[in-house]
Amino acid sequence: MISHHPMTDKKVVKFTLEARNRYVEDWELEEWCKVASPFLLAYASLKGVTGLRKQDMLTIKRSDISATELTSVNIKTGKKIRFPLYDQNGQATTVKLAIDDVQDYYRSIRNPRVPVISQFLFHNRKVVATGTLRKPPALASIPYGSATWTKLLLGRTSRSDSPITI
């Protein structure tokens, strides 16, 4: 490690924040699920099974969901990532179940007389039963990745949910 910057000859200050020393435990996730809004549960279930960044999640369009896969473009790298919706046996993957949860959430709050004009899966505003626009709850940085977390949110697991990078 160097002590001085080679161009400015200023002293290099070492990063002093403590590294993460623990992970979220199962009981904490259970408590969060009890108090989280239905929107956050739907968002977290898809985020948990895909592992996408917040910006990538918010740019998923309804047209990115085909009959067989969810396609997302990683904004940071520009690569396309495909998530299969069904495994080799024809069983729905947890990605498919999470997408269904998101769509069920929007069906539950949507006024049938007001058309959905957003092309995105996660709308930046939502139409509530009165037909007025209201901002959705703030999106939290939600940890993801563990099978227990996925099972907790979706109530089920699948083995063939690994993304395929194009």
Protein backbone atom coordinates (compact mmCIF):
# COMPACT_ATOMS: atom_id res chain seq x y z
CA MET A 1 0.00 0.00 0.00
CA ILE A 2 1.24 3.45 -0.82
CA SER A 3 1.45 6.24 1.74
CA HIS A 4 1.34 9.23 -0.66
CA HIS A 5 -0.56 9.88 -3.90
CA PRO A 6 1.98 9.74 -6.78
CA MET A 7 0.57 12.79 -8.64
CA THR A 8 -0.35 15.18 -5.82
CA ASP A 9 2.05 13.94 -3.14
CA LYS A 10 -0.82 14.09 -0.62
CA LYS A 11 -1.05 11.54 2.14
CA VAL A 12 -3.37 8.62 1.34
CA VAL A 13 -6.01 8.18 4.02
CA LYS A 14 -6.95 4.59 4.68
CA PHE A 15 -10.65 3.68 4.62
CA THR A 16 -11.63 3.52 8.28
CA LEU A 17 -15.20 2.21 8.32
CA GLU A 18 -15.64 -1.22 9.83
CA ALA A 19 -16.50 -4.00 7.38
CA ARG A 20 -19.84 -5.80 7.60
CA ASN A 21 -19.56 -8.26 10.43
CA ARG A 22 -23.00 -9.93 10.34
CA TYR A 23 -25.85 -10.91 8.06
CA VAL A 24 -29.58 -10.54 8.53
CA GLU A 25 -30.93 -13.46 10.52
CA ASP A 26 -34.08 -15.45 9.75
CA TRP A 27 -36.04 -14.06 12.70
CA GLU A 28 -35.31 -10.51 11.52
CA LEU A 29 -36.68 -11.32 8.07
CA GLU A 30 -39.78 -12.86 9.62
CA GLU A 31 -40.40 -9.70 11.64
CA TRP A 32 -39.82 -7.52 8.59
CA CYS A 33 -42.35 -9.56 6.59
CA LYS A 34 -44.95 -8.94 9.31
CA VAL A 35 -44.65 -5.14 9.07
CA ALA A 36 -43.70 -4.61 5.41
CA SER A 37 -46.26 -3.27 2.96
CA PRO A 38 -47.62 -5.60 0.26
CA PHE A 39 -45.67 -3.56 -2.31
CA LEU A 40 -42.36 -4.13 -0.53
CA LEU A 41 -43.08 -7.85 -0.14
CA ALA A 42 -43.73 -8.16 -3.87
CA TYR A 43 -40.64 -6.09 -4.72
CA ALA A 44 -38.46 -8.00 -2.26
CA SER A 45 -39.58 -11.39 -3.52
CA LEU A 46 -38.47 -10.58 -7.08
CA LYS A 47 -35.28 -8.86 -5.92
CA GLY A 48 -34.44 -11.82 -3.72
CA VAL A 49 -34.67 -14.42 -6.44
CA THR A 50 -32.98 -12.37 -9.18
CA GLY A 51 -30.35 -10.47 -7.20
CA LEU A 52 -30.74 -7.46 -9.49
CA ARG A 53 -29.69 -3.95 -8.43
CA LYS A 54 -32.40 -1.42 -7.59
CA GLN A 55 -31.99 0.46 -10.87
CA ASP A 56 -32.13 -2.78 -12.86
CA MET A 57 -35.31 -3.79 -10.99
CA LEU A 58 -37.00 -0.48 -11.64
CA THR A 59 -36.26 -0.59 -15.38
CA ILE A 60 -37.86 -4.02 -15.98
CA LYS A 61 -40.61 -3.50 -18.53
CA ARG A 62 -43.68 -5.64 -18.90
CA SER A 63 -42.43 -6.45 -22.41
CA ASP A 64 -39.27 -7.98 -20.85
CA ILE A 65 -41.39 -10.83 -19.49
CA SER A 66 -42.03 -13.47 -22.15
CA ALA A 67 -43.81 -16.79 -21.81
CA THR A 68 -40.52 -18.54 -20.98
CA GLU A 69 -38.14 -16.01 -19.42
CA LEU A 70 -37.53 -12.64 -17.81
CA THR A 71 -34.87 -10.62 -19.61
CA SER A 72 -33.09 -7.80 -17.83
CA VAL A 73 -30.28 -5.54 -18.97
CA ASN A 74 -27.63 -4.85 -16.36
CA ILE A 75 -27.31 -1.07 -16.48
CA LYS A 76 -23.80 -1.12 -15.05
CA THR A 77 -22.30 -3.58 -17.55
CA GLY A 78 -24.83 -3.48 -20.40
CA LYS A 79 -25.13 -7.30 -20.46
CA LYS A 80 -28.46 -9.04 -20.83
CA ILE A 81 -29.43 -11.52 -18.15
CA ARG A 82 -32.13 -14.11 -18.75
CA PHE A 83 -34.05 -15.72 -15.91
CA PRO A 84 -35.99 -18.84 -16.93
CA LEU A 85 -39.60 -18.94 -15.73
CA TYR A 86 -39.88 -22.73 -15.97
CA ASP A 87 -37.39 -25.51 -15.28
CA GLN A 88 -36.72 -28.54 -17.49
CA ASN A 89 -39.71 -30.38 -16.00
CA GLY A 90 -42.11 -27.52 -16.78
CA GLN A 91 -42.39 -26.47 -13.14
CA ALA A 92 -42.55 -22.74 -12.38
CA THR A 93 -39.31 -21.33 -10.95
CA THR A 94 -39.21 -18.94 -8.02
CA VAL A 95 -38.66 -16.11 -10.54
CA LYS A 96 -42.03 -16.93 -12.14
CA LEU A 97 -43.69 -17.11 -8.72
CA ALA A 98 -42.17 -13.76 -7.72
CA ILE A 99 -43.37 -12.11 -10.96
CA ASP A 100 -46.84 -13.52 -10.26
CA ASP A 101 -46.69 -11.95 -6.78
CA VAL A 102 -45.85 -8.55 -8.28
CA GLN A 103 -48.64 -8.80 -10.85
CA ASP A 104 -51.12 -9.96 -8.18
CA TYR A 105 -50.20 -6.95 -6.06
CA TYR A 106 -50.92 -4.51 -8.89
CA ARG A 107 -54.16 -6.32 -9.77
CA SER A 108 -55.28 -5.98 -6.14
CA ILE A 109 -54.82 -2.18 -6.03
CA ARG A 110 -55.84 -1.33 -9.58
CA ASN A 111 -59.09 0.38 -10.42
CA PRO A 112 -60.44 -1.49 -13.47
CA ARG A 113 -61.84 1.74 -14.93
CA VAL A 114 -58.40 3.40 -14.97
CA PRO A 115 -56.01 1.99 -17.60
CA VAL A 116 -52.41 1.15 -16.69
CA ILE A 117 -50.25 3.36 -18.88
CA SER A 118 -46.86 2.48 -17.45
CA GLN A 119 -44.67 0.17 -19.51
CA PHE A 120 -42.63 -0.77 -16.44
CA LEU A 121 -43.28 -3.70 -14.11
CA PHE A 122 -42.78 -1.45 -11.07
CA HIS A 123 -44.70 1.77 -11.61
CA ASN A 124 -43.20 4.97 -10.22
CA ARG A 125 -46.71 5.95 -9.15
CA LYS A 126 -49.65 3.71 -8.46
CA VAL A 127 -53.32 4.08 -9.17
CA VAL A 128 -55.34 3.24 -6.10
CA ALA A 129 -58.99 2.25 -5.97
CA THR A 130 -60.15 5.88 -6.05
CA GLY A 131 -58.33 6.46 -9.34
CA THR A 132 -56.01 9.08 -7.82
CA LEU A 133 -52.24 8.89 -8.07
CA ARG A 134 -50.19 8.26 -4.99
CA LYS A 135 -46.46 7.65 -4.53
CA PRO A 136 -45.50 4.06 -3.60
CA PRO A 137 -43.64 3.32 -0.36
CA ALA A 138 -39.91 3.99 -0.40
CA LEU A 139 -37.82 1.11 -1.72
CA ALA A 140 -35.39 -0.22 0.81
CA SER A 141 -32.06 -1.85 0.15
CA ILE A 142 -33.08 -5.41 0.76
CA PRO A 143 -30.55 -8.19 1.27
CA TYR A 144 -30.96 -11.19 -0.99
CA GLY A 145 -29.57 -14.53 -1.91
CA SER A 146 -30.33 -17.09 0.77
CA ALA A 147 -32.69 -19.97 0.14
CA THR A 148 -34.26 -19.33 3.55
CA TRP A 149 -34.98 -15.74 2.53
CA THR A 150 -36.65 -16.88 -0.70
CA LYS A 151 -38.63 -19.56 1.08
CA LEU A 152 -39.71 -17.06 3.70
CA LEU A 153 -41.02 -14.55 1.17
CA LEU A 154 -42.44 -16.93 -1.40
CA GLY A 155 -43.17 -19.93 0.79
CA ARG A 156 -41.46 -22.19 -1.74
CA THR A 157 -38.09 -22.88 -3.36
CA SER A 158 -36.81 -24.15 -6.68
CA ARG A 159 -33.40 -25.44 -7.71
CA SER A 160 -33.27 -24.15 -11.27
CA ASP A 161 -33.43 -20.40 -10.71
CA SER A 162 -29.91 -19.54 -11.74
CA PRO A 163 -29.75 -16.78 -14.34
CA ILE A 164 -28.29 -17.36 -17.78
CA THR A 165 -26.00 -14.56 -18.92
CA ILE A 166 -26.06 -13.77 -22.63
